[in-house]
Amino acid sequence: MAARRRIPVGAGRAAVEAWRADADVDRATLAMAVRYALEELGARAPGRSVEVRVPPFGAVQCIEGSTHTRGTPPAVIETDAATWLALATGSQSWDDAVASGVLQASGERADLSALLPLA
């Protein structure tokens, strides 16, 4: 089942573009950009085997495979908002984010490099 959209696509894209133009956007715009990018990932790679977390703004479960109903999923990816948006827009590579320590990824299927960038 595809992830349910909470952010209208046009508004989400506008928030991402605002962040791309000036990474020092207000918190509401940053939150919308992050949540939209998470929703987009969930729509493009539906499933429940990997959880991508961008605290404090949101998380999404994605990628088909083994599922879980409670607790920590089989694979977890966590990063900050700026890194997530840089990955989603292609201004940072997956390998660079992992190597620099700004992205933590563990478990099976915890490499999203084939799915990024989203834009």
PDB file of N, CA and C in Angstrom:
ATOM      1  N   MET A   1       0.838  -1.172   0.000  1.00  0.00           N
ATOM      2  CA  MET A   1       0.000   0.000   0.000  1.00  0.00           C
ATOM      3  C   MET A   1       0.882   1.233   0.000  1.00  0.00           C
ATOM      4  N   ALA A   2       0.587   2.179  -0.857  1.00  0.00           N
ATOM      5  CA  ALA A   2       1.375   3.397  -0.967  1.00  0.00           C
ATOM      6  C   ALA A   2       1.167   4.275   0.259  1.00  0.00           C
ATOM      7  N   ALA A   3       2.198   5.028   0.583  1.00  0.00           N
ATOM      8  CA  ALA A   3       2.119   5.939   1.714  1.00  0.00           C
ATOM      9  C   ALA A   3       1.061   7.005   1.443  1.00  0.00           C
ATOM     10  N   ARG A   4       0.337   7.370   2.466  1.00  0.00           N
ATOM     11  CA  ARG A   4      -0.690   8.390   2.335  1.00  0.00           C
ATOM     12  C   ARG A   4      -0.025   9.764   2.365  1.00  0.00           C
ATOM     13  N   ARG A   5      -0.386  10.600   1.423  1.00  0.00           N
ATOM     14  CA  ARG A   5       0.177  11.946   1.343  1.00  0.00           C
ATOM     15  C   ARG A   5      -0.552  12.862   2.310  1.00  0.00           C
ATOM     16  N   ARG A   6       0.205  13.588   3.098  1.00  0.00           N
ATOM     17  CA  ARG A   6      -0.361  14.592   3.985  1.00  0.00           C
ATOM     18  C   ARG A   6      -0.040  15.991   3.482  1.00  0.00           C
ATOM     19  N   ILE A   7       1.007  16.096   2.692  1.00  0.00           N
ATOM     20  CA  ILE A   7       1.432  17.384   2.160  1.00  0.00           C
ATOM     21  C   ILE A   7       1.119  17.410   0.670  1.00  0.00           C
ATOM     22  N   PRO A   8       0.370  18.412   0.224  1.00  0.00           N
ATOM     23  CA  PRO A   8       0.109  18.518  -1.210  1.00  0.00           C
ATOM     24  C   PRO A   8       1.430  18.613  -1.985  1.00  0.00           C
ATOM     25  N   VAL A   9       1.496  17.920  -3.108  1.00  0.00           N
ATOM     26  CA  VAL A   9       2.737  17.848  -3.878  1.00  0.00           C
ATOM     27  C   VAL A   9       3.269  19.233  -4.222  1.00  0.00           C
ATOM     28  N   GLY A  10       2.412  20.125  -4.673  1.00  0.00           N
ATOM     29  CA  GLY A  10       2.857  21.470  -5.041  1.00  0.00           C
ATOM     30  C   GLY A  10       3.472  22.219  -3.866  1.00  0.00           C
ATOM     31  N   ALA A  11       2.832  22.131  -2.712  1.00  0.00           N
ATOM     32  CA  ALA A  11       3.350  22.805  -1.524  1.00  0.00           C
ATOM     33  C   ALA A  11       4.664  22.181  -1.070  1.00  0.00           C
ATOM     34  N   GLY A  12       4.760  20.866  -1.153  1.00  0.00           N
ATOM     35  CA  GLY A  12       5.992  20.180  -0.766  1.00  0.00           C
ATOM     36  C   GLY A  12       7.151  20.548  -1.670  1.00  0.00           C
ATOM     37  N   ARG A  13       6.894  20.535  -2.968  1.00  0.00           N
ATOM     38  CA  ARG A  13       7.953  20.909  -3.915  1.00  0.00           C
ATOM     39  C   ARG A  13       8.391  22.349  -3.700  1.00  0.00           C
ATOM     40  N   ALA A  14       7.436  23.235  -3.431  1.00  0.00           N
ATOM     41  CA  ALA A  14       7.770  24.640  -3.176  1.00  0.00           C
ATOM     42  C   ALA A  14       8.649  24.778  -1.936  1.00  0.00           C
ATOM     43  N   ALA A  15       8.357  24.004  -0.903  1.00  0.00           N
ATOM     44  CA  ALA A  15       9.170  24.057   0.320  1.00  0.00           C
ATOM     45  C   ALA A  15      10.590  23.554   0.049  1.00  0.00           C
ATOM     46  N   VAL A  16      10.715  22.474  -0.718  1.00  0.00           N
ATOM     47  CA  VAL A  16      12.043  21.960  -1.065  1.00  0.00           C
ATOM     48  C   VAL A  16      12.802  22.996  -1.887  1.00  0.00           C
ATOM     49  N   GLU A  17      12.140  23.617  -2.845  1.00  0.00           N
ATOM     50  CA  GLU A  17      12.804  24.636  -3.670  1.00  0.00           C
ATOM     51  C   GLU A  17      13.208  25.843  -2.830  1.00  0.00           C
ATOM     52  N   ALA A  18      12.376  26.232  -1.861  1.00  0.00           N
ATOM     53  CA  ALA A  18      12.736  27.335  -0.964  1.00  0.00           C
ATOM     54  C   ALA A  18      13.985  26.978  -0.166  1.00  0.00           C
ATOM     55  N   TRP A  19      14.063  25.731   0.307  1.00  0.00           N
ATOM     56  CA  TRP A  19      15.252  25.281   1.039  1.00  0.00           C
ATOM     57  C   TRP A  19      16.474  25.274   0.129  1.00  0.00           C
ATOM     58  N   ARG A  20      16.312  24.824  -1.098  1.00  0.00           N
ATOM     59  CA  ARG A  20      17.436  24.798  -2.043  1.00  0.00           C
ATOM     60  C   ARG A  20      17.956  26.203  -2.315  1.00  0.00           C
ATOM     61  N   ALA A  21      17.048  27.181  -2.371  1.00  0.00           N
ATOM     62  CA  ALA A  21      17.443  28.566  -2.639  1.00  0.00           C
ATOM     63  C   ALA A  21      18.119  29.205  -1.433  1.00  0.00           C
ATOM     64  N   ASP A  22      17.692  28.799  -0.231  1.00  0.00           N
ATOM     65  CA  ASP A  22      18.238  29.372   1.002  1.00  0.00           C
ATOM     66  C   ASP A  22      18.043  28.356   2.120  1.00  0.00           C
ATOM     67  N   ALA A  23      19.112  27.661   2.480  1.00  0.00           N
ATOM     68  CA  ALA A  23      19.021  26.599   3.492  1.00  0.00           C
ATOM     69  C   ALA A  23      18.627  27.137   4.865  1.00  0.00           C
ATOM     70  N   ASP A  24      18.620  28.445   5.025  1.00  0.00           N
ATOM     71  CA  ASP A  24      18.255  29.059   6.301  1.00  0.00           C
ATOM     72  C   ASP A  24      16.780  29.478   6.285  1.00  0.00           C
ATOM     73  N   VAL A  25      15.899  28.579   5.829  1.00  0.00           N
ATOM     74  CA  VAL A  25      14.469  28.867   5.789  1.00  0.00           C
ATOM     75  C   VAL A  25      13.882  28.777   7.191  1.00  0.00           C
ATOM     76  N   ASP A  26      12.662  29.278   7.336  1.00  0.00           N
ATOM     77  CA  ASP A  26      12.002  29.197   8.636  1.00  0.00           C
ATOM     78  C   ASP A  26      11.675  27.737   8.967  1.00  0.00           C
ATOM     79  N   ARG A  27      11.428  27.481  10.228  1.00  0.00           N
ATOM     80  CA  ARG A  27      11.218  26.111  10.707  1.00  0.00           C
ATOM     81  C   ARG A  27      10.027  25.429  10.030  1.00  0.00           C
ATOM     82  N   ALA A  28       8.946  26.156   9.784  1.00  0.00           N
ATOM     83  CA  ALA A  28       7.769  25.558   9.157  1.00  0.00           C
ATOM     84  C   ALA A  28       8.080  25.103   7.733  1.00  0.00           C
ATOM     85  N   THR A  29       8.828  25.894   6.998  1.00  0.00           N
ATOM     86  CA  THR A  29       9.204  25.520   5.629  1.00  0.00           C
ATOM     87  C   THR A  29      10.146  24.330   5.646  1.00  0.00           C
ATOM     88  N   LEU A  30      11.106  24.347   6.561  1.00  0.00           N
ATOM     89  CA  LEU A  30      12.041  23.221   6.697  1.00  0.00           C
ATOM     90  C   LEU A  30      11.277  21.938   7.021  1.00  0.00           C
ATOM     91  N   ALA A  31      10.350  22.020   7.961  1.00  0.00           N
ATOM     92  CA  ALA A  31       9.567  20.841   8.344  1.00  0.00           C
ATOM     93  C   ALA A  31       8.762  20.315   7.153  1.00  0.00           C
ATOM     94  N   MET A  32       8.137  21.222   6.400  1.00  0.00           N
ATOM     95  CA  MET A  32       7.358  20.785   5.254  1.00  0.00           C
ATOM     96  C   MET A  32       8.249  20.139   4.198  1.00  0.00           C
ATOM     97  N   ALA A  33       9.419  20.711   3.942  1.00  0.00           N
ATOM     98  CA  ALA A  33      10.340  20.154   2.946  1.00  0.00           C
ATOM     99  C   ALA A  33      10.783  18.748   3.356  1.00  0.00           C
ATOM    100  N   VAL A  34      11.144  18.577   4.612  1.00  0.00           N
ATOM    101  CA  VAL A  34      11.590  17.271   5.106  1.00  0.00           C
ATOM    102  C   VAL A  34      10.456  16.255   5.009  1.00  0.00           C
ATOM    103  N   ARG A  35       9.293  16.625   5.478  1.00  0.00           N
ATOM    104  CA  ARG A  35       8.157  15.696   5.470  1.00  0.00           C
ATOM    105  C   ARG A  35       7.742  15.337   4.050  1.00  0.00           C
ATOM    106  N   TYR A  36       7.773  16.312   3.160  1.00  0.00           N
ATOM    107  CA  TYR A  36       7.446  16.028   1.765  1.00  0.00           C
ATOM    108  C   TYR A  36       8.450  15.034   1.171  1.00  0.00           C
ATOM    109  N   ALA A  37       9.740  15.257   1.412  1.00  0.00           N
ATOM    110  CA  ALA A  37      10.766  14.350   0.872  1.00  0.00           C
ATOM    111  C   ALA A  37      10.604  12.945   1.454  1.00  0.00           C
ATOM    112  N   LEU A  38      10.256  12.841   2.723  1.00  0.00           N
ATOM    113  CA  LEU A  38      10.001  11.530   3.319  1.00  0.00           C
ATOM    114  C   LEU A  38       8.786  10.867   2.664  1.00  0.00           C
ATOM    115  N   GLU A  39       7.712  11.636   2.469  1.00  0.00           N
ATOM    116  CA  GLU A  39       6.528  11.092   1.803  1.00  0.00           C
ATOM    117  C   GLU A  39       6.856  10.641   0.385  1.00  0.00           C
ATOM    118  N   GLU A  40       7.666  11.412  -0.308  1.00  0.00           N
ATOM    119  CA  GLU A  40       8.038  11.068  -1.679  1.00  0.00           C
ATOM    120  C   GLU A  40       8.808   9.752  -1.702  1.00  0.00           C
ATOM    121  N   LEU A  41       9.729   9.572  -0.764  1.00  0.00           N
ATOM    122  CA  LEU A  41      10.453   8.310  -0.676  1.00  0.00           C
ATOM    123  C   LEU A  41       9.478   7.157  -0.432  1.00  0.00           C
ATOM    124  N   GLY A  42       8.545   7.340   0.493  1.00  0.00           N
ATOM    125  CA  GLY A  42       7.556   6.306   0.776  1.00  0.00           C
ATOM    126  C   GLY A  42       6.686   5.979  -0.420  1.00  0.00           C
ATOM    127  N   ALA A  43       6.378   6.984  -1.215  1.00  0.00           N
ATOM    128  CA  ALA A  43       5.559   6.754  -2.419  1.00  0.00           C
ATOM    129  C   ALA A  43       6.345   6.021  -3.499  1.00  0.00           C
ATOM    130  N   ARG A  44       7.634   6.314  -3.619  1.00  0.00           N
ATOM    131  CA  ARG A  44       8.456   5.696  -4.657  1.00  0.00           C
ATOM    132  C   ARG A  44       8.943   4.301  -4.281  1.00  0.00           C
ATOM    133  N   ALA A  45       9.078   4.050  -2.999  1.00  0.00           N
ATOM    134  CA  ALA A  45       9.579   2.750  -2.531  1.00  0.00           C
ATOM    135  C   ALA A  45       8.711   2.271  -1.374  1.00  0.00           C
ATOM    136  N   PRO A  46       7.461   1.904  -1.660  1.00  0.00           N
ATOM    137  CA  PRO A  46       6.563   1.496  -0.579  1.00  0.00           C
ATOM    138  C   PRO A  46       7.026   0.202   0.091  1.00  0.00           C
ATOM    139  N   GLY A  47       6.708   0.091   1.337  1.00  0.00           N
ATOM    140  CA  GLY A  47       7.052  -1.090   2.110  1.00  0.00           C
ATOM    141  C   GLY A  47       7.230  -0.729   3.566  1.00  0.00           C
ATOM    142  N   ARG A  48       7.704  -1.715   4.338  1.00  0.00           N
ATOM    143  CA  ARG A  48       7.869  -1.478   5.776  1.00  0.00           C
ATOM    144  C   ARG A  48       9.138  -2.107   6.326  1.00  0.00           C
ATOM    145  N   SER A  49      10.133  -2.331   5.491  1.00  0.00           N
ATOM    146  CA  SER A  49      11.338  -2.997   5.994  1.00  0.00           C
ATOM    147  C   SER A  49      12.435  -2.025   6.410  1.00  0.00           C
ATOM    148  N   VAL A  50      12.323  -0.761   6.016  1.00  0.00           N
ATOM    149  CA  VAL A  50      13.329   0.242   6.368  1.00  0.00           C
ATOM    150  C   VAL A  50      12.601   1.460   6.933  1.00  0.00           C
ATOM    151  N   GLU A  51      13.111   1.987   8.025  1.00  0.00           N
ATOM    152  CA  GLU A  51      12.550   3.218   8.575  1.00  0.00           C
ATOM    153  C   GLU A  51      13.586   4.316   8.445  1.00  0.00           C
ATOM    154  N   VAL A  52      13.186   5.418   7.830  1.00  0.00           N
ATOM    155  CA  VAL A  52      14.046   6.585   7.680  1.00  0.00           C
ATOM    156  C   VAL A  52      13.550   7.627   8.667  1.00  0.00           C
ATOM    157  N   ARG A  53      14.436   8.049   9.558  1.00  0.00           N
ATOM    158  CA  ARG A  53      14.074   9.000  10.614  1.00  0.00           C
ATOM    159  C   ARG A  53      14.841  10.305  10.431  1.00  0.00           C
ATOM    160  N   VAL A  54      14.101  11.404  10.508  1.00  0.00           N
ATOM    161  CA  VAL A  54      14.702  12.733  10.449  1.00  0.00           C
ATOM    162  C   VAL A  54      14.119  13.527  11.623  1.00  0.00           C
ATOM    163  N   PRO A  55      14.681  13.301  12.819  1.00  0.00           N
ATOM    164  CA  PRO A  55      14.134  13.985  13.986  1.00  0.00           C
ATOM    165  C   PRO A  55      14.443  15.485  13.930  1.00  0.00           C
ATOM    166  N   PRO A  56      13.565  16.309  14.415  1.00  0.00           N
ATOM    167  CA  PRO A  56      12.284  16.026  15.048  1.00  0.00           C
ATOM    168  C   PRO A  56      11.117  16.071  14.072  1.00  0.00           C
ATOM    169  N   PHE A  57      11.397  16.072  12.777  1.00  0.00           N
ATOM    170  CA  PHE A  57      10.365  16.360  11.792  1.00  0.00           C
ATOM    171  C   PHE A  57       9.540  15.174  11.328  1.00  0.00           C
ATOM    172  N   GLY A  58      10.099  13.992  11.259  1.00  0.00           N
ATOM    173  CA  GLY A  58       9.292  12.873  10.803  1.00  0.00           C
ATOM    174  C   GLY A  58      10.084  11.617  10.519  1.00  0.00           C
ATOM    175  N   ALA A  59       9.344  10.617  10.089  1.00  0.00           N
ATOM    176  CA  ALA A  59       9.915   9.314   9.740  1.00  0.00           C
ATOM    177  C   ALA A  59       8.992   8.669   8.731  1.00  0.00           C
ATOM    178  N   VAL A  60       9.550   7.753   7.957  1.00  0.00           N
ATOM    179  CA  VAL A  60       8.750   7.011   6.989  1.00  0.00           C
ATOM    180  C   VAL A  60       9.283   5.586   6.933  1.00  0.00           C
ATOM    181  N   GLN A  61       8.366   4.661   6.740  1.00  0.00           N
ATOM    182  CA  GLN A  61       8.756   3.282   6.479  1.00  0.00           C
ATOM    183  C   GLN A  61       8.654   3.059   4.988  1.00  0.00           C
ATOM    184  N   CYS A  62       9.627   2.360   4.442  1.00  0.00           N
ATOM    185  CA  CYS A  62       9.673   2.173   2.995  1.00  0.00           C
ATOM    186  C   CYS A  62      10.357   0.858   2.650  1.00  0.00           C
ATOM    187  N   ILE A  63      10.409   0.539   1.415  1.00  0.00           N
ATOM    188  CA  ILE A  63      11.076  -0.606   0.803  1.00  0.00           C
ATOM    189  C   ILE A  63      10.424  -1.929   1.196  1.00  0.00           C
ATOM    190  N   GLU A  64      10.041  -2.665   0.180  1.00  0.00           N
ATOM    191  CA  GLU A  64       9.427  -3.971   0.392  1.00  0.00           C
ATOM    192  C   GLU A  64      10.415  -4.932   1.024  1.00  0.00           C
ATOM    193  N   GLY A  65       9.890  -5.887   1.725  1.00  0.00           N
ATOM    194  CA  GLY A  65      10.716  -6.900   2.366  1.00  0.00           C
ATOM    195  C   GLY A  65      10.095  -7.304   3.680  1.00  0.00           C
ATOM    196  N   SER A  66      10.912  -7.793   4.568  1.00  0.00           N
ATOM    197  CA  SER A  66      10.395  -8.224   5.866  1.00  0.00           C
ATOM    198  C   SER A  66       9.763  -7.031   6.572  1.00  0.00           C
ATOM    199  N   THR A  67       8.672  -7.292   7.245  1.00  0.00           N
ATOM    200  CA  THR A  67       7.967  -6.224   7.932  1.00  0.00           C
ATOM    201  C   THR A  67       8.014  -6.461   9.423  1.00  0.00           C
ATOM    202  N   HIS A  68       7.632  -5.437  10.140  1.00  0.00           N
ATOM    203  CA  HIS A  68       7.561  -5.554  11.594  1.00  0.00           C
ATOM    204  C   HIS A  68       6.282  -4.872  12.042  1.00  0.00           C
ATOM    205  N   THR A  69       5.821  -5.225  13.229  1.00  0.00           N
ATOM    206  CA  THR A  69       4.605  -4.611  13.740  1.00  0.00           C
ATOM    207  C   THR A  69       4.867  -3.778  14.980  1.00  0.00           C
ATOM    208  N   ARG A  70       5.943  -4.062  15.690  1.00  0.00           N
ATOM    209  CA  ARG A  70       6.262  -3.300  16.902  1.00  0.00           C
ATOM    210  C   ARG A  70       7.766  -3.199  17.049  1.00  0.00           C
ATOM    211  N   GLY A  71       8.200  -2.149  17.698  1.00  0.00           N
ATOM    212  CA  GLY A  71       9.620  -1.994  17.971  1.00  0.00           C
ATOM    213  C   GLY A  71      10.400  -1.478  16.779  1.00  0.00           C
ATOM    214  N   THR A  72      11.677  -1.699  16.814  1.00  0.00           N
ATOM    215  CA  THR A  72      12.573  -1.206  15.781  1.00  0.00           C
ATOM    216  C   THR A  72      12.502  -2.081  14.544  1.00  0.00           C
ATOM    217  N   PRO A  73      12.369  -1.473  13.359  1.00  0.00           N
ATOM    218  CA  PRO A  73      12.328  -2.264  12.126  1.00  0.00           C
ATOM    219  C   PRO A  73      13.678  -2.902  11.821  1.00  0.00           C
ATOM    220  N   PRO A  74      13.723  -3.816  10.842  1.00  0.00           N
ATOM    221  CA  PRO A  74      14.967  -4.509  10.509  1.00  0.00           C
ATOM    222  C   PRO A  74      16.090  -3.583  10.051  1.00  0.00           C
ATOM    223  N   ALA A  75      15.747  -2.425   9.511  1.00  0.00           N
ATOM    224  CA  ALA A  75      16.764  -1.468   9.070  1.00  0.00           C
ATOM    225  C   ALA A  75      16.318  -0.067   9.468  1.00  0.00           C
ATOM    226  N   VAL A  76      17.264   0.714   9.967  1.00  0.00           N
ATOM    227  CA  VAL A  76      16.969   2.071  10.410  1.00  0.00           C
ATOM    228  C   VAL A  76      18.011   3.009   9.832  1.00  0.00           C
ATOM    229  N   ILE A  77      17.531   4.130   9.317  1.00  0.00           N
ATOM    230  CA  ILE A  77      18.390   5.187   8.806  1.00  0.00           C
ATOM    231  C   ILE A  77      17.990   6.444   9.547  1.00  0.00           C
ATOM    232  N   GLU A  78      18.985   7.171  10.050  1.00  0.00           N
ATOM    233  CA  GLU A  78      18.675   8.401  10.772  1.00  0.00           C
ATOM    234  C   GLU A  78      19.669   9.481  10.398  1.00  0.00           C
ATOM    235  N   THR A  79      19.138  10.689  10.201  1.00  0.00           N
ATOM    236  CA  THR A  79      19.985  11.831   9.870  1.00  0.00           C
ATOM    237  C   THR A  79      19.258  13.108  10.250  1.00  0.00           C
ATOM    238  N   ASP A  80      19.950  14.222  10.103  1.00  0.00           N
ATOM    239  CA  ASP A  80      19.355  15.524  10.398  1.00  0.00           C
ATOM    240  C   ASP A  80      18.639  16.065   9.165  1.00  0.00           C
ATOM    241  N   ALA A  81      17.892  17.132   9.346  1.00  0.00           N
ATOM    242  CA  ALA A  81      17.074  17.695   8.273  1.00  0.00           C
ATOM    243  C   ALA A  81      17.908  18.164   7.084  1.00  0.00           C
ATOM    244  N   ALA A  82      18.974  18.893   7.344  1.00  0.00           N
ATOM    245  CA  ALA A  82      19.787  19.415   6.239  1.00  0.00           C
ATOM    246  C   ALA A  82      20.404  18.291   5.420  1.00  0.00           C
ATOM    247  N   THR A  83      20.890  17.265   6.081  1.00  0.00           N
ATOM    248  CA  THR A  83      21.481  16.134   5.360  1.00  0.00           C
ATOM    249  C   THR A  83      20.420  15.408   4.556  1.00  0.00           C
ATOM    250  N   TRP A  84      19.243  15.183   5.147  1.00  0.00           N
ATOM    251  CA  TRP A  84      18.180  14.495   4.426  1.00  0.00           C
ATOM    252  C   TRP A  84      17.809  15.249   3.157  1.00  0.00           C
ATOM    253  N   LEU A  85      17.643  16.559   3.268  1.00  0.00           N
ATOM    254  CA  LEU A  85      17.272  17.344   2.088  1.00  0.00           C
ATOM    255  C   LEU A  85      18.407  17.381   1.067  1.00  0.00           C
ATOM    256  N   ALA A  86      19.642  17.411   1.532  1.00  0.00           N
ATOM    257  CA  ALA A  86      20.772  17.367   0.602  1.00  0.00           C
ATOM    258  C   ALA A  86      20.798  16.036  -0.149  1.00  0.00           C
ATOM    259  N   LEU A  87      20.509  14.951   0.535  1.00  0.00           N
ATOM    260  CA  LEU A  87      20.431  13.639  -0.121  1.00  0.00           C
ATOM    261  C   LEU A  87      19.259  13.589  -1.098  1.00  0.00           C
ATOM    262  N   ALA A  88      18.111  14.081  -0.652  1.00  0.00           N
ATOM    263  CA  ALA A  88      16.901  14.028  -1.479  1.00  0.00           C
ATOM    264  C   ALA A  88      17.028  14.869  -2.744  1.00  0.00           C
ATOM    265  N   THR A  89      17.786  15.950  -2.676  1.00  0.00           N
ATOM    266  CA  THR A  89      17.925  16.839  -3.837  1.00  0.00           C
ATOM    267  C   THR A  89      19.180  16.563  -4.651  1.00  0.00           C
ATOM    268  N   GLY A  90      20.030  15.679  -4.160  1.00  0.00           N
ATOM    269  CA  GLY A  90      21.227  15.324  -4.913  1.00  0.00           C
ATOM    270  C   GLY A  90      22.422  16.217  -4.668  1.00  0.00           C
ATOM    271  N   SER A  91      22.353  17.092  -3.687  1.00  0.00           N
ATOM    272  CA  SER A  91      23.506  17.946  -3.414  1.00  0.00           C
ATOM    273  C   SER A  91      24.519  17.280  -2.489  1.00  0.00           C
ATOM    274  N   GLN A  92      24.193  16.102  -1.979  1.00  0.00           N
ATOM    275  CA  GLN A  92      25.134  15.296  -1.205  1.00  0.00           C
ATOM    276  C   GLN A  92      24.930  13.842  -1.584  1.00  0.00           C
ATOM    277  N   SER A  93      26.012  13.100  -1.674  1.00  0.00           N
ATOM    278  CA  SER A  93      25.890  11.681  -2.010  1.00  0.00           C
ATOM    279  C   SER A  93      25.701  10.855  -0.740  1.00  0.00           C
ATOM    280  N   TRP A  94      25.098   9.708  -0.931  1.00  0.00           N
ATOM    281  CA  TRP A  94      24.882   8.769   0.168  1.00  0.00           C
ATOM    282  C   TRP A  94      26.223   8.388   0.812  1.00  0.00           C
ATOM    283  N   ASP A  95      27.188   8.018  -0.017  1.00  0.00           N
ATOM    284  CA  ASP A  95      28.487   7.584   0.508  1.00  0.00           C
ATOM    285  C   ASP A  95      29.178   8.675   1.312  1.00  0.00           C
ATOM    286  N   ASP A  96      29.105   9.920   0.839  1.00  0.00           N
ATOM    287  CA  ASP A  96      29.717  11.028   1.581  1.00  0.00           C
ATOM    288  C   ASP A  96      29.029  11.242   2.924  1.00  0.00           C
ATOM    289  N   ALA A  97      27.704  11.138   2.945  1.00  0.00           N
ATOM    290  CA  ALA A  97      26.961  11.321   4.195  1.00  0.00           C
ATOM    291  C   ALA A  97      27.313  10.235   5.207  1.00  0.00           C
ATOM    292  N   VAL A  98      27.419   8.997   4.747  1.00  0.00           N
ATOM    293  CA  VAL A  98      27.783   7.896   5.637  1.00  0.00           C
ATOM    294  C   VAL A  98      29.217   8.073   6.128  1.00  0.00           C
ATOM    295  N   ALA A  99      30.126   8.379   5.214  1.00  0.00           N
ATOM    296  CA  ALA A  99      31.545   8.521   5.570  1.00  0.00           C
ATOM    297  C   ALA A  99      31.786   9.658   6.558  1.00  0.00           C
ATOM    298  N   SER A 100      31.025  10.738   6.421  1.00  0.00           N
ATOM    299  CA  SER A 100      31.233  11.880   7.316  1.00  0.00           C
ATOM    300  C   SER A 100      30.534  11.705   8.660  1.00  0.00           C
ATOM    301  N   GLY A 101      29.709  10.677   8.784  1.00  0.00           N
ATOM    302  CA  GLY A 101      29.045  10.396  10.053  1.00  0.00           C
ATOM    303  C   GLY A 101      27.759  11.173  10.283  1.00  0.00           C
ATOM    304  N   VAL A 102      27.275  11.923   9.290  1.00  0.00           N
ATOM    305  CA  VAL A 102      26.038  12.680   9.469  1.00  0.00           C
ATOM    306  C   VAL A 102      24.805  11.831   9.194  1.00  0.00           C
ATOM    307  N   LEU A 103      25.024  10.618   8.745  1.00  0.00           N
ATOM    308  CA  LEU A 103      23.937   9.691   8.472  1.00  0.00           C
ATOM    309  C   LEU A 103      24.304   8.343   9.084  1.00  0.00           C
ATOM    310  N   GLN A 104      23.408   7.800   9.874  1.00  0.00           N
ATOM    311  CA  GLN A 104      23.615   6.477  10.452  1.00  0.00           C
ATOM    312  C   GLN A 104      22.642   5.512   9.779  1.00  0.00           C
ATOM    313  N   ALA A 105      23.175   4.404   9.300  1.00  0.00           N
ATOM    314  CA  ALA A 105      22.355   3.405   8.620  1.00  0.00           C
ATOM    315  C   ALA A 105      22.749   2.030   9.124  1.00  0.00           C
ATOM    316  N   SER A 106      21.748   1.257   9.546  1.00  0.00           N
ATOM    317  CA  SER A 106      22.042  -0.087  10.026  1.00  0.00           C
ATOM    318  C   SER A 106      20.961  -1.050   9.569  1.00  0.00           C
ATOM    319  N   GLY A 107      21.357  -2.269   9.378  1.00  0.00           N
ATOM    320  CA  GLY A 107      20.415  -3.321   9.019  1.00  0.00           C
ATOM    321  C   GLY A 107      20.379  -3.591   7.529  1.00  0.00           C
ATOM    322  N   GLU A 108      19.603  -4.643   7.200  1.00  0.00           N
ATOM    323  CA  GLU A 108      19.412  -5.033   5.805  1.00  0.00           C
ATOM    324  C   GLU A 108      18.718  -3.929   5.021  1.00  0.00           C
ATOM    325  N   ARG A 109      19.122  -3.742   3.803  1.00  0.00           N
ATOM    326  CA  ARG A 109      18.514  -2.767   2.892  1.00  0.00           C
ATOM    327  C   ARG A 109      18.662  -1.326   3.371  1.00  0.00           C
ATOM    328  N   ALA A 110      19.637  -1.042   4.205  1.00  0.00           N
ATOM    329  CA  ALA A 110      19.801   0.303   4.755  1.00  0.00           C
ATOM    330  C   ALA A 110      20.677   1.190   3.872  1.00  0.00           C
ATOM    331  N   ASP A 111      20.716   0.922   2.592  1.00  0.00           N
ATOM    332  CA  ASP A 111      21.427   1.755   1.646  1.00  0.00           C
ATOM    333  C   ASP A 111      20.433   2.269   0.623  1.00  0.00           C
ATOM    334  N   LEU A 112      20.135   3.551   0.691  1.00  0.00           N
ATOM    335  CA  LEU A 112      19.139   4.145  -0.189  1.00  0.00           C
ATOM    336  C   LEU A 112      19.763   4.837  -1.402  1.00  0.00           C
ATOM    337  N   SER A 113      21.032   4.616  -1.627  1.00  0.00           N
ATOM    338  CA  SER A 113      21.726   5.337  -2.698  1.00  0.00           C
ATOM    339  C   SER A 113      21.072   5.126  -4.069  1.00  0.00           C
ATOM    340  N   ALA A 114      20.470   3.984  -4.300  1.00  0.00           N
ATOM    341  CA  ALA A 114      19.820   3.726  -5.593  1.00  0.00           C
ATOM    342  C   ALA A 114      18.507   4.501  -5.734  1.00  0.00           C
ATOM    343  N   LEU A 115      17.946   4.966  -4.638  1.00  0.00           N
ATOM    344  CA  LEU A 115      16.669   5.681  -4.664  1.00  0.00           C
ATOM    345  C   LEU A 115      16.830   7.197  -4.626  1.00  0.00           C
ATOM    346  N   LEU A 116      18.047   7.644  -4.348  1.00  0.00           N
ATOM    347  CA  LEU A 116      18.290   9.080  -4.193  1.00  0.00           C
ATOM    348  C   LEU A 116      19.163   9.588  -5.317  1.00  0.00           C
ATOM    349  N   PRO A 117      19.023  10.815  -5.754  1.00  0.00           N
ATOM    350  CA  PRO A 117      18.106  11.830  -5.250  1.00  0.00           C
ATOM    351  C   PRO A 117      16.670  11.596  -5.701  1.00  0.00           C
ATOM    352  N   LEU A 118      15.761  12.235  -4.993  1.00  0.00           N
ATOM    353  CA  LEU A 118      14.337  12.130  -5.301  1.00  0.00           C
ATOM    354  C   LEU A 118      13.920  13.151  -6.337  1.00  0.00           C
ATOM    355  N   ALA A 119      14.606  14.281  -6.354  1.00  0.00           N
ATOM    356  CA  ALA A 119      14.217  15.378  -7.264  1.00  0.00           C
ATOM    357  C   ALA A 119      15.053  15.354  -8.520  1.00  0.00           C
TER     358      ALA A 119
END
